[in-house]
C-alpha atoms as a PDB file:
ATOM      1  CA  MET A   1     106.513 143.715 -31.970  1.00  0.00           C
ATOM      2  CA  SER A   2     110.327 143.285 -32.423  1.00  0.00           C
ATOM      3  CA  SER A   3     112.208 143.569 -35.722  1.00  0.00           C
ATOM      4  CA  TYR A   4     112.213 140.263 -37.624  1.00  0.00           C
ATOM      5  CA  SER A   5     109.698 138.397 -35.402  1.00  0.00           C
ATOM      6  CA  VAL A   6     107.379 138.289 -38.389  1.00  0.00           C
ATOM      7  CA  LEU A   7     109.635 139.041 -41.157  1.00  0.00           C
ATOM      8  CA  SER A   8     111.796 136.088 -40.471  1.00  0.00           C
ATOM      9  CA  ALA A   9     109.426 133.679 -41.997  1.00  0.00           C
ATOM     10  CA  TYR A  10     109.605 135.557 -45.338  1.00  0.00           C
ATOM     11  CA  TYR A  11     113.090 136.844 -45.310  1.00  0.00           C
ATOM     12  CA  ASP A  12     114.782 134.403 -47.613  1.00  0.00           C
ATOM     13  CA  ARG A  13     112.040 134.796 -50.278  1.00  0.00           C
ATOM     14  CA  LEU A  14     112.179 138.539 -50.034  1.00  0.00           C
ATOM     15  CA  MET A  15     116.045 138.490 -50.313  1.00  0.00           C
ATOM     16  CA  ILE A  16     116.148 136.120 -53.293  1.00  0.00           C
ATOM     17  CA  GLU A  17     118.096 138.617 -55.355  1.00  0.00           C
ATOM     18  CA  PHE A  18     120.823 139.377 -52.858  1.00  0.00           C
ATOM     19  CA  PRO A  19     124.091 138.079 -54.236  1.00  0.00           C
ATOM     20  CA  TYR A  20     125.112 135.589 -51.493  1.00  0.00           C
ATOM     21  CA  ASP A  21     127.182 133.344 -53.721  1.00  0.00           C
ATOM     22  CA  LYS A  22     129.169 136.144 -55.394  1.00  0.00           C
ATOM     23  CA  TYR A  23     129.692 137.739 -52.053  1.00  0.00           C
ATOM     24  CA  ALA A  24     131.021 134.560 -50.448  1.00  0.00           C
ATOM     25  CA  GLU A  25     133.199 133.958 -53.465  1.00  0.00           C
ATOM     26  CA  TYR A  26     134.677 137.443 -52.966  1.00  0.00           C
ATOM     27  CA  VAL A  27     135.348 136.630 -49.184  1.00  0.00           C
ATOM     28  CA  LEU A  28     136.765 133.279 -49.916  1.00  0.00           C
ATOM     29  CA  GLY A  29     139.257 134.774 -52.246  1.00  0.00           C
ATOM     30  CA  PHE A  30     141.023 136.075 -49.223  1.00  0.00           C
ATOM     31  CA  VAL A  31     140.387 133.462 -46.754  1.00  0.00           C
ATOM     32  CA  SER A  32     139.483 129.921 -47.636  1.00  0.00           C
ATOM     33  CA  SER A  33     140.082 127.914 -44.382  1.00  0.00           C
ATOM     34  CA  GLY A  34     140.076 128.171 -40.582  1.00  0.00           C
ATOM     35  CA  LYS A  35     137.531 129.760 -38.361  1.00  0.00           C
ATOM     36  CA  GLY A  36     134.986 132.461 -38.927  1.00  0.00           C
ATOM     37  CA  ALA A  37     131.991 134.253 -37.319  1.00  0.00           C
ATOM     38  CA  ASP A  38     129.078 135.800 -39.165  1.00  0.00           C
ATOM     39  CA  PHE A  39     127.451 138.625 -37.315  1.00  0.00           C
ATOM     40  CA  PHE A  40     123.948 139.651 -38.160  1.00  0.00           C
ATOM     41  CA  CYS A  41     123.700 136.237 -39.664  1.00  0.00           C
ATOM     42  CA  GLY A  42     119.835 136.380 -40.147  1.00  0.00           C
ATOM     43  CA  SER A  43     118.734 133.148 -41.719  1.00  0.00           C
ATOM     44  CA  GLY A  44     122.246 131.893 -42.069  1.00  0.00           C
ATOM     45  CA  LYS A  45     122.634 131.926 -45.788  1.00  0.00           C
ATOM     46  CA  MET A  46     126.021 133.374 -45.751  1.00  0.00           C
ATOM     47  CA  THR A  47     127.102 131.348 -42.628  1.00  0.00           C
ATOM     48  CA  LEU A  48     125.986 128.101 -44.496  1.00  0.00           C
ATOM     49  CA  LEU A  49     127.984 128.998 -47.638  1.00  0.00           C
ATOM     50  CA  PHE A  50     131.281 129.392 -45.669  1.00  0.00           C
ATOM     51  CA  ALA A  51     130.525 126.184 -43.653  1.00  0.00           C
ATOM     52  CA  LEU A  52     129.975 124.282 -46.859  1.00  0.00           C
ATOM     53  CA  SER A  53     133.374 125.382 -47.988  1.00  0.00           C
ATOM     54  CA  GLY A  54     134.968 123.744 -45.025  1.00  0.00           C
ATOM     55  CA  ILE A  55     135.307 126.625 -42.609  1.00  0.00           C
ATOM     56  CA  LYS A  56     134.339 126.272 -39.106  1.00  0.00           C
ATOM     57  CA  MET A  57     131.536 128.895 -38.488  1.00  0.00           C
ATOM     58  CA  VAL A  58     129.456 130.403 -35.819  1.00  0.00           C
ATOM     59  CA  GLY A  59     126.401 132.541 -36.595  1.00  0.00           C
ATOM     60  CA  VAL A  60     125.400 135.522 -34.449  1.00  0.00           C
ATOM     61  CA  ASP A  61     122.086 137.292 -34.303  1.00  0.00           C
ATOM     62  CA  SER A  62     119.933 139.156 -31.875  1.00  0.00           C
ATOM     63  CA  SER A  63     116.618 137.710 -33.327  1.00  0.00           C
ATOM     64  CA  ALA A  64     115.579 134.333 -31.996  1.00  0.00           C
ATOM     65  CA  GLU A  65     113.128 133.968 -34.892  1.00  0.00           C
ATOM     66  CA  MET A  66     115.906 134.473 -37.471  1.00  0.00           C
ATOM     67  CA  LEU A  67     118.228 132.148 -35.860  1.00  0.00           C
ATOM     68  CA  ASN A  68     115.275 129.494 -35.950  1.00  0.00           C
ATOM     69  CA  GLU A  69     115.305 129.930 -39.743  1.00  0.00           C
ATOM     70  CA  ALA A  70     119.076 129.629 -39.816  1.00  0.00           C
ATOM     71  CA  GLU A  71     118.825 126.204 -37.991  1.00  0.00           C
ATOM     72  CA  LYS A  72     116.291 125.072 -40.496  1.00  0.00           C
ATOM     73  CA  ASN A  73     118.439 126.089 -43.439  1.00  0.00           C
ATOM     74  CA  SER A  74     121.451 124.385 -42.007  1.00  0.00           C
ATOM     75  CA  SER A  75     119.526 121.166 -41.179  1.00  0.00           C
ATOM     76  CA  LYS A  76     118.363 120.907 -44.776  1.00  0.00           C
ATOM     77  CA  LYS A  77     121.920 120.851 -45.863  1.00  0.00           C
ATOM     78  CA  GLY A  78     122.994 118.429 -43.145  1.00  0.00           C
ATOM     79  CA  VAL A  79     125.401 120.973 -41.613  1.00  0.00           C
ATOM     80  CA  LYS A  80     125.694 121.658 -37.852  1.00  0.00           C
ATOM     81  CA  ILE A  81     126.458 125.158 -37.113  1.00  0.00           C
ATOM     82  CA  PRO A  82     126.468 126.796 -33.688  1.00  0.00           C
ATOM     83  CA  TYR A  83     124.225 129.842 -33.662  1.00  0.00           C
ATOM     84  CA  LEU A  84     124.477 132.414 -30.831  1.00  0.00           C
ATOM     85  CA  LEU A  85     121.626 134.730 -29.800  1.00  0.00           C
ATOM     86  CA  ALA A  86     123.457 137.813 -28.721  1.00  0.00           C
ATOM     87  CA  ASN A  87     124.044 141.426 -29.439  1.00  0.00           C
ATOM     88  CA  ALA A  88     126.727 142.036 -31.949  1.00  0.00           C
ATOM     89  CA  LYS A  89     128.370 144.694 -29.740  1.00  0.00           C
ATOM     90  CA  ASN A  90     129.364 142.277 -26.969  1.00  0.00           C
ATOM     91  CA  ALA A  91     128.916 138.799 -28.409  1.00  0.00           C
ATOM     92  CA  ASN A  92     131.668 136.474 -27.334  1.00  0.00           C
ATOM     93  CA  VAL A  93     132.773 134.251 -30.251  1.00  0.00           C
ATOM     94  CA  GLY A  94     136.383 133.596 -29.084  1.00  0.00           C
ATOM     95  CA  LYS A  95     139.673 135.434 -29.813  1.00  0.00           C
ATOM     96  CA  ASP A  96     141.498 133.650 -32.578  1.00  0.00           C
ATOM     97  CA  LEU A  97     139.217 133.858 -35.618  1.00  0.00           C
ATOM     98  CA  ASP A  98     140.482 134.140 -39.040  1.00  0.00           C
ATOM     99  CA  PHE A  99     137.759 136.322 -40.343  1.00  0.00           C
ATOM    100  CA  VAL A 100     134.401 137.909 -39.457  1.00  0.00           C
ATOM    101  CA  THR A 101     131.496 138.951 -41.672  1.00  0.00           C
ATOM    102  CA  ALA A 102     128.641 141.404 -41.304  1.00  0.00           C
ATOM    103  CA  VAL A 103     126.540 141.329 -44.474  1.00  0.00           C
ATOM    104  CA  CYS A 104     123.354 142.542 -45.751  1.00  0.00           C
ATOM    105  CA  ASP A 105     122.907 145.888 -43.735  1.00  0.00           C
ATOM    106  CA  GLY A 106     123.829 144.628 -40.329  1.00  0.00           C
ATOM    107  CA  VAL A 107     125.837 147.675 -39.599  1.00  0.00           C
ATOM    108  CA  ASN A 108     122.940 149.795 -40.688  1.00  0.00           C
ATOM    109  CA  TYR A 109     121.034 148.628 -37.706  1.00  0.00           C
ATOM    110  CA  LEU A 110     123.588 150.029 -35.328  1.00  0.00           C
ATOM    111  CA  PRO A 111     123.166 153.650 -33.994  1.00  0.00           C
ATOM    112  CA  HIS A 112     126.154 155.818 -34.788  1.00  0.00           C
ATOM    113  CA  SER A 113     127.280 155.665 -31.131  1.00  0.00           C
ATOM    114  CA  SER A 114     127.581 151.741 -31.346  1.00  0.00           C
ATOM    115  CA  VAL A 115     129.431 151.219 -34.574  1.00  0.00           C
ATOM    116  CA  GLU A 116     132.861 151.549 -33.024  1.00  0.00           C
ATOM    117  CA  GLN A 117     131.866 149.437 -30.022  1.00  0.00           C
ATOM    118  CA  PHE A 118     130.819 146.691 -32.648  1.00  0.00           C
ATOM    119  CA  PHE A 119     134.185 147.110 -34.498  1.00  0.00           C
ATOM    120  CA  LYS A 120     136.194 146.794 -31.311  1.00  0.00           C
ATOM    121  CA  ASN A 121     134.277 143.560 -30.353  1.00  0.00           C
ATOM    122  CA  VAL A 122     135.235 142.228 -33.968  1.00  0.00           C
ATOM    123  CA  ALA A 123     138.788 143.162 -33.328  1.00  0.00           C
ATOM    124  CA  ARG A 124     138.875 141.326 -30.048  1.00  0.00           C
ATOM    125  CA  SER A 125     137.456 138.308 -31.849  1.00  0.00           C
ATOM    126  CA  LEU A 126     140.178 138.176 -34.622  1.00  0.00           C
ATOM    127  CA  LYS A 127     143.701 136.996 -34.513  1.00  0.00           C
ATOM    128  CA  ALA A 128     146.349 139.471 -35.802  1.00  0.00           C
ATOM    129  CA  GLY A 129     146.029 139.921 -39.472  1.00  0.00           C
ATOM    130  CA  GLY A 130     142.345 138.540 -39.445  1.00  0.00           C
ATOM    131  CA  HIS A 131     139.973 139.732 -41.958  1.00  0.00           C
ATOM    132  CA  PHE A 132     136.778 141.761 -41.473  1.00  0.00           C
ATOM    133  CA  PHE A 133     134.249 141.951 -44.220  1.00  0.00           C
ATOM    134  CA  PHE A 134     130.994 143.948 -43.877  1.00  0.00           C
ATOM    135  CA  ASP A 135     128.664 146.169 -45.911  1.00  0.00           C
ATOM    136  CA  ILE A 136     126.441 149.105 -45.492  1.00  0.00           C
ATOM    137  CA  SER A 137     123.507 150.426 -47.317  1.00  0.00           C
ATOM    138  CA  THR A 138     124.708 153.836 -48.663  1.00  0.00           C
ATOM    139  CA  ALA A 139     123.293 157.304 -47.919  1.00  0.00           C
ATOM    140  CA  TYR A 140     122.201 157.282 -51.583  1.00  0.00           C
ATOM    141  CA  LYS A 141     120.117 154.183 -51.094  1.00  0.00           C
ATOM    142  CA  LEU A 142     118.549 155.071 -47.751  1.00  0.00           C
ATOM    143  CA  GLU A 143     117.856 158.813 -48.633  1.00  0.00           C
ATOM    144  CA  GLU A 144     117.065 158.606 -52.502  1.00  0.00           C
ATOM    145  CA  VAL A 145     115.763 154.988 -52.976  1.00  0.00           C
ATOM    146  CA  LEU A 146     114.058 154.054 -49.844  1.00  0.00           C
ATOM    147  CA  GLY A 147     113.550 157.457 -48.365  1.00  0.00           C
ATOM    148  CA  ASN A 148     109.702 158.414 -47.693  1.00  0.00           C
ATOM    149  CA  ASN A 149     108.465 155.671 -50.102  1.00  0.00           C
ATOM    150  CA  LEU A 150     105.984 152.870 -49.918  1.00  0.00           C
ATOM    151  CA  PHE A 151     106.636 149.381 -51.371  1.00  0.00           C
ATOM    152  CA  TYR A 152     104.671 146.186 -51.335  1.00  0.00           C
ATOM    153  CA  GLU A 153     104.716 142.606 -52.559  1.00  0.00           C
ATOM    154  CA  ASP A 154     101.687 140.315 -53.166  1.00  0.00           C
ATOM    155  CA  TYR A 155     102.071 136.550 -52.946  1.00  0.00           C
ATOM    156  CA  ASP A 156      99.388 133.830 -52.728  1.00  0.00           C
ATOM    157  CA  ASP A 157     100.058 133.307 -48.986  1.00  0.00           C
ATOM    158  CA  VAL A 158     101.023 136.683 -47.787  1.00  0.00           C
ATOM    159  CA  THR A 159     100.874 140.320 -48.843  1.00  0.00           C
ATOM    160  CA  TYR A 160     103.123 143.059 -47.138  1.00  0.00           C
ATOM    161  CA  PHE A 161     103.359 146.805 -47.158  1.00  0.00           C
ATOM    162  CA  TRP A 162     106.706 148.482 -46.357  1.00  0.00           C
ATOM    163  CA  LYS A 163     106.303 152.186 -45.511  1.00  0.00           C
ATOM    164  CA  ASN A 164     109.484 154.288 -44.812  1.00  0.00           C
ATOM    165  CA  LYS A 165     109.998 157.650 -43.090  1.00  0.00           C
ATOM    166  CA  LEU A 166     113.231 159.417 -43.552  1.00  0.00           C
ATOM    167  CA  GLY A 167     114.682 161.135 -40.563  1.00  0.00           C
ATOM    168  CA  LYS A 168     117.812 163.224 -40.148  1.00  0.00           C
ATOM    169  CA  ASN A 169     120.231 160.309 -39.923  1.00  0.00           C
ATOM    170  CA  ASN A 170     117.993 157.296 -40.201  1.00  0.00           C
ATOM    171  CA  VAL A 171     115.072 155.625 -41.934  1.00  0.00           C
ATOM    172  CA  GLU A 172     112.309 154.218 -39.935  1.00  0.00           C
ATOM    173  CA  MET A 173     110.357 151.289 -41.603  1.00  0.00           C
ATOM    174  CA  GLU A 174     106.824 150.101 -40.771  1.00  0.00           C
ATOM    175  CA  LEU A 175     106.057 146.686 -42.173  1.00  0.00           C
ATOM    176  CA  THR A 176     102.564 145.301 -42.265  1.00  0.00           C
ATOM    177  CA  PHE A 177     101.867 141.624 -43.234  1.00  0.00           C
ATOM    178  CA  PHE A 178      98.587 140.128 -44.160  1.00  0.00           C
ATOM    179  CA  LYS A 179      99.007 136.333 -43.929  1.00  0.00           C
ATOM    180  CA  ARG A 180      96.521 134.141 -45.556  1.00  0.00           C
ATOM    181  CA  CYS A 181      94.900 131.652 -43.121  1.00  0.00           C
ATOM    182  CA  GLU A 182      93.519 128.245 -44.122  1.00  0.00           C
ATOM    183  CA  ASP A 183      89.899 129.479 -43.969  1.00  0.00           C
ATOM    184  CA  GLY A 184      90.686 132.066 -46.608  1.00  0.00           C
ATOM    185  CA  SER A 185      90.724 134.989 -44.148  1.00  0.00           C
ATOM    186  CA  TYR A 186      93.831 137.112 -43.499  1.00  0.00           C
ATOM    187  CA  ARG A 187      95.723 137.854 -40.262  1.00  0.00           C
ATOM    188  CA  ARG A 188      97.475 141.076 -39.855  1.00  0.00           C
ATOM    189  CA  GLU A 189     100.980 141.399 -38.156  1.00  0.00           C
ATOM    190  CA  ASP A 190     102.996 144.541 -37.859  1.00  0.00           C
ATOM    191  CA  GLU A 191     106.687 145.101 -37.042  1.00  0.00           C
ATOM    192  CA  LYS A 192     109.094 148.110 -37.173  1.00  0.00           C
ATOM    193  CA  HIS A 193     112.779 148.518 -38.243  1.00  0.00           C
ATOM    194  CA  LYS A 194     115.271 151.471 -38.227  1.00  0.00           C
ATOM    195  CA  GLN A 195     118.361 151.611 -40.226  1.00  0.00           C
ATOM    196  CA  TYR A 196     120.879 154.400 -39.568  1.00  0.00           C
ATOM    197  CA  ILE A 197     122.649 156.388 -42.339  1.00  0.00           C
ATOM    198  CA  HIS A 198     126.424 155.988 -42.005  1.00  0.00           C
ATOM    199  CA  LYS A 199     128.808 157.996 -44.131  1.00  0.00           C
ATOM    200  CA  THR A 200     131.879 156.295 -45.457  1.00  0.00           C
ATOM    201  CA  GLU A 201     134.322 158.637 -43.707  1.00  0.00           C
ATOM    202  CA  GLU A 202     132.582 157.795 -40.510  1.00  0.00           C
ATOM    203  CA  ILE A 203     132.921 154.046 -41.042  1.00  0.00           C
ATOM    204  CA  GLU A 204     136.616 154.378 -41.906  1.00  0.00           C
ATOM    205  CA  LYS A 205     137.388 156.568 -38.836  1.00  0.00           C
ATOM    206  CA  ALA A 206     135.649 153.883 -36.729  1.00  0.00           C
ATOM    207  CA  LEU A 207     137.732 151.119 -38.313  1.00  0.00           C
ATOM    208  CA  LYS A 208     140.929 152.993 -37.628  1.00  0.00           C
ATOM    209  CA  ASN A 209     139.967 153.752 -33.975  1.00  0.00           C
ATOM    210  CA  SER A 210     139.115 149.985 -33.537  1.00  0.00           C
ATOM    211  CA  GLY A 211     142.569 148.695 -34.645  1.00  0.00           C
ATOM    212  CA  PHE A 212     141.716 147.879 -38.350  1.00  0.00           C
ATOM    213  CA  VAL A 213     143.548 148.911 -41.438  1.00  0.00           C
ATOM    214  CA  LEU A 214     141.144 149.386 -44.463  1.00  0.00           C
ATOM    215  CA  LYS A 215     142.273 147.289 -47.414  1.00  0.00           C
ATOM    216  CA  SER A 216     139.594 148.049 -49.918  1.00  0.00           C
ATOM    217  CA  LYS A 217     135.866 149.054 -50.559  1.00  0.00           C
ATOM    218  CA  ILE A 218     133.785 148.070 -53.405  1.00  0.00           C
ATOM    219  CA  ASP A 219     130.308 148.302 -54.886  1.00  0.00           C
ATOM    220  CA  GLY A 220     128.152 145.712 -53.360  1.00  0.00           C
ATOM    221  CA  ASP A 221     126.143 144.947 -56.513  1.00  0.00           C
ATOM    222  CA  SER A 222     128.748 144.954 -59.229  1.00  0.00           C
ATOM    223  CA  PHE A 223     131.715 144.113 -56.874  1.00  0.00           C
ATOM    224  CA  GLY A 224     133.584 146.771 -58.969  1.00  0.00           C
ATOM    225  CA  LYS A 225     134.140 150.462 -58.487  1.00  0.00           C
ATOM    226  CA  ILE A 226     132.026 152.505 -56.302  1.00  0.00           C
ATOM    227  CA  LYS A 227     129.720 155.104 -57.947  1.00  0.00           C
ATOM    228  CA  SER A 228     127.762 158.073 -56.575  1.00  0.00           C
ATOM    229  CA  THR A 229     124.665 155.849 -57.048  1.00  0.00           C
ATOM    230  CA  SER A 230     126.032 152.768 -55.414  1.00  0.00           C
ATOM    231  CA  LYS A 231     123.439 151.263 -53.030  1.00  0.00           C
ATOM    232  CA  ARG A 232     125.723 149.060 -51.160  1.00  0.00           C
ATOM    233  CA  ILE A 233     129.456 149.299 -50.313  1.00  0.00           C
ATOM    234  CA  ILE A 234     131.446 146.301 -49.098  1.00  0.00           C
ATOM    235  CA  PHE A 235     134.460 147.023 -46.864  1.00  0.00           C
ATOM    236  CA  HIS A 236     137.473 144.739 -46.370  1.00  0.00           C
ATOM    237  CA  ALA A 237     139.691 145.485 -43.446  1.00  0.00           C
ATOM    238  CA  GLU A 238     142.509 143.786 -41.544  1.00  0.00           C
ATOM    239  CA  LYS A 239     143.274 143.720 -37.813  1.00  0.00           C
ATOM    240  CA  GLU A 240     146.619 145.344 -37.064  1.00  0.00           C
END
């Protein structure tokens, strides 16, 4: 079963602590109008925040199930946002965007050989001087926090187990969901994810090779100085 085919229904609940509002506020401090694209948009939470700020947005994701959740979230707010089912490495979202975002680990789902290809596609989508904001889960998080560990959550309607296996340059994740049915029984569903460990210096090299100038990088939780124990790093780059 493909990634996010099951998780999509529970994604927003499990990501309730992700700082969407503060992240959007950070981005809007650099660009507050025009056109933007949100790659790896998932359930569209970030895409929607920008659209509600008056920006003309498009959301891109490779999971039809996640885009279905994004459509639901937008409809609840009475906002129409075009969502594109496509691979981030070659999705066509135009060539004159003011900014592009890729939040919440999207880049970690790309193998090392695909990162630069994605960055170059972003560059093709931006006007000169356009902004690119994205984040990665750090090597510290993937190796030391997630690593070979097991996590679980227990809700009234679903219980899930998340088992990780640390590889040389990646973490393989196996998720098992037990969904409560109306008759009180449970239905089991499984899916797998893989996130790749990207070093900061590798990311910066790929940005340079793709025609970007790195403007800043910050801790993705405190939105301040990066530490050795930072779990997420947010990058801000501009197209030359």
